[in-house]
C-alpha atoms as a PDB file:
ATOM      1  CA  UNK A   1       3.516 -10.308 -19.336  1.00  0.00           C
ATOM      2  CA  UNK A   2       6.204 -12.555 -17.929  1.00  0.00           C
ATOM      3  CA  UNK A   3       6.397 -13.715 -14.330  1.00  0.00           C
ATOM      4  CA  UNK A   4       9.205 -11.219 -13.663  1.00  0.00           C
ATOM      5  CA  UNK A   5       7.011  -8.263 -14.562  1.00  0.00           C
ATOM      6  CA  UNK A   6       6.461  -6.146 -11.448  1.00  0.00           C
ATOM      7  CA  UNK A   7       3.077  -4.539 -10.955  1.00  0.00           C
ATOM      8  CA  UNK A   8       3.404  -0.757 -10.772  1.00  0.00           C
ATOM      9  CA  UNK A   9       1.202   1.772  -9.044  1.00  0.00           C
ATOM     10  CA  UNK A  10      -2.314   2.318 -10.333  1.00  0.00           C
ATOM     11  CA  UNK A  11      -4.831   4.210  -8.164  1.00  0.00           C
ATOM     12  CA  UNK A  12      -7.631   1.698  -8.740  1.00  0.00           C
ATOM     13  CA  UNK A  13      -5.440  -1.318  -7.951  1.00  0.00           C
ATOM     14  CA  UNK A  14      -3.505   0.258  -5.086  1.00  0.00           C
ATOM     15  CA  UNK A  15      -5.963   2.331  -3.035  1.00  0.00           C
ATOM     16  CA  UNK A  16      -3.841   1.971   0.116  1.00  0.00           C
ATOM     17  CA  UNK A  17      -0.692   3.390  -1.475  1.00  0.00           C
ATOM     18  CA  UNK A  18       1.294   5.378   1.143  1.00  0.00           C
ATOM     19  CA  UNK A  19      -1.023   4.318   3.971  1.00  0.00           C
ATOM     20  CA  UNK A  20       0.158   2.433   7.037  1.00  0.00           C
ATOM     21  CA  UNK A  21      -0.308  -1.315   7.163  1.00  0.00           C
ATOM     22  CA  UNK A  22      -2.831  -2.601   9.700  1.00  0.00           C
ATOM     23  CA  UNK A  23      -2.005  -5.508  11.997  1.00  0.00           C
ATOM     24  CA  UNK A  24      -4.424  -7.670  10.032  1.00  0.00           C
ATOM     25  CA  UNK A  25      -2.696  -6.776   6.749  1.00  0.00           C
ATOM     26  CA  UNK A  26       0.729  -7.565   8.200  1.00  0.00           C
ATOM     27  CA  UNK A  27      -0.510 -10.931   9.442  1.00  0.00           C
ATOM     28  CA  UNK A  28      -1.975 -11.681   5.996  1.00  0.00           C
ATOM     29  CA  UNK A  29       1.257 -10.671   4.262  1.00  0.00           C
ATOM     30  CA  UNK A  30       3.431 -12.816   6.534  1.00  0.00           C
ATOM     31  CA  UNK A  31       1.096 -15.821   6.359  1.00  0.00           C
ATOM     32  CA  UNK A  32       0.938 -15.913   2.550  1.00  0.00           C
ATOM     33  CA  UNK A  33       4.445 -14.636   1.720  1.00  0.00           C
ATOM     34  CA  UNK A  34       6.317 -17.475   0.026  1.00  0.00           C
ATOM     35  CA  UNK A  35       3.105 -19.444  -0.587  1.00  0.00           C
ATOM     36  CA  UNK A  36       1.562 -17.211  -3.252  1.00  0.00           C
ATOM     37  CA  UNK A  37       3.131 -14.562  -5.462  1.00  0.00           C
ATOM     38  CA  UNK A  38       3.881 -11.105  -4.135  1.00  0.00           C
ATOM     39  CA  UNK A  39       1.681  -9.818  -6.980  1.00  0.00           C
ATOM     40  CA  UNK A  40      -1.317 -11.727  -5.573  1.00  0.00           C
ATOM     41  CA  UNK A  41      -0.626 -10.433  -2.062  1.00  0.00           C
ATOM     42  CA  UNK A  42      -0.318  -6.877  -3.394  1.00  0.00           C
ATOM     43  CA  UNK A  43      -3.653  -7.112  -5.203  1.00  0.00           C
ATOM     44  CA  UNK A  44      -5.359  -8.583  -2.127  1.00  0.00           C
ATOM     45  CA  UNK A  45      -4.030  -5.790   0.098  1.00  0.00           C
ATOM     46  CA  UNK A  46      -4.482  -2.941  -2.379  1.00  0.00           C
ATOM     47  CA  UNK A  47      -0.769  -2.158  -2.409  1.00  0.00           C
ATOM     48  CA  UNK A  48       2.076  -2.188  -4.891  1.00  0.00           C
ATOM     49  CA  UNK A  49       4.192  -5.278  -5.327  1.00  0.00           C
ATOM     50  CA  UNK A  50       7.287  -3.307  -4.323  1.00  0.00           C
ATOM     51  CA  UNK A  51       5.602  -2.232  -1.089  1.00  0.00           C
ATOM     52  CA  UNK A  52       4.804  -5.850  -0.221  1.00  0.00           C
ATOM     53  CA  UNK A  53       8.354  -7.012  -0.961  1.00  0.00           C
ATOM     54  CA  UNK A  54       9.900  -4.152   1.029  1.00  0.00           C
ATOM     55  CA  UNK A  55       7.581  -4.648   4.004  1.00  0.00           C
ATOM     56  CA  UNK A  56       8.309  -8.386   4.154  1.00  0.00           C
ATOM     57  CA  UNK A  57      12.053  -7.697   4.062  1.00  0.00           C
ATOM     58  CA  UNK A  58      11.837  -5.070   6.836  1.00  0.00           C
ATOM     59  CA  UNK A  59       9.743  -7.400   9.016  1.00  0.00           C
ATOM     60  CA  UNK A  60      12.290 -10.195   8.556  1.00  0.00           C
ATOM     61  CA  UNK A  61      15.179  -7.873   9.396  1.00  0.00           C
ATOM     62  CA  UNK A  62      13.445  -6.640  12.552  1.00  0.00           C
ATOM     63  CA  UNK A  63      12.513 -10.168  13.665  1.00  0.00           C
ATOM     64  CA  UNK A  64       8.759  -9.456  13.534  1.00  0.00           C
ATOM     65  CA  UNK A  65       7.923 -11.597  10.495  1.00  0.00           C
ATOM     66  CA  UNK A  66       7.371 -14.836  12.454  1.00  0.00           C
ATOM     67  CA  UNK A  67       5.318 -13.027  15.089  1.00  0.00           C
ATOM     68  CA  UNK A  68       2.878 -11.693  12.476  1.00  0.00           C
ATOM     69  CA  UNK A  69       2.843 -15.069  10.726  1.00  0.00           C
ATOM     70  CA  UNK A  70       1.656 -16.774  13.935  1.00  0.00           C
ATOM     71  CA  UNK A  71      -0.877 -14.001  14.512  1.00  0.00           C
ATOM     72  CA  UNK A  72      -2.765 -14.799  11.263  1.00  0.00           C
ATOM     73  CA  UNK A  73      -4.802 -17.676  12.724  1.00  0.00           C
ATOM     74  CA  UNK A  74      -5.807 -15.637  15.781  1.00  0.00           C
ATOM     75  CA  UNK A  75      -7.265 -12.731  13.794  1.00  0.00           C
END
């Protein structure tokens, strides 16, 4: 599959589908976002790629992205 292929939901790959993100997961997402692919982050967190992309966008819009990014090293 090409790089533009978006990973879709699969119960074995996305066991946390529709579950709330933990603080640790948010810190992980913000730390690695932009450094590795959203597909890799999604697999690491057990979420869909779309969920990861949407969460990152919402955190940036709310101004919380940088806060969680700094939190990564403290967890």
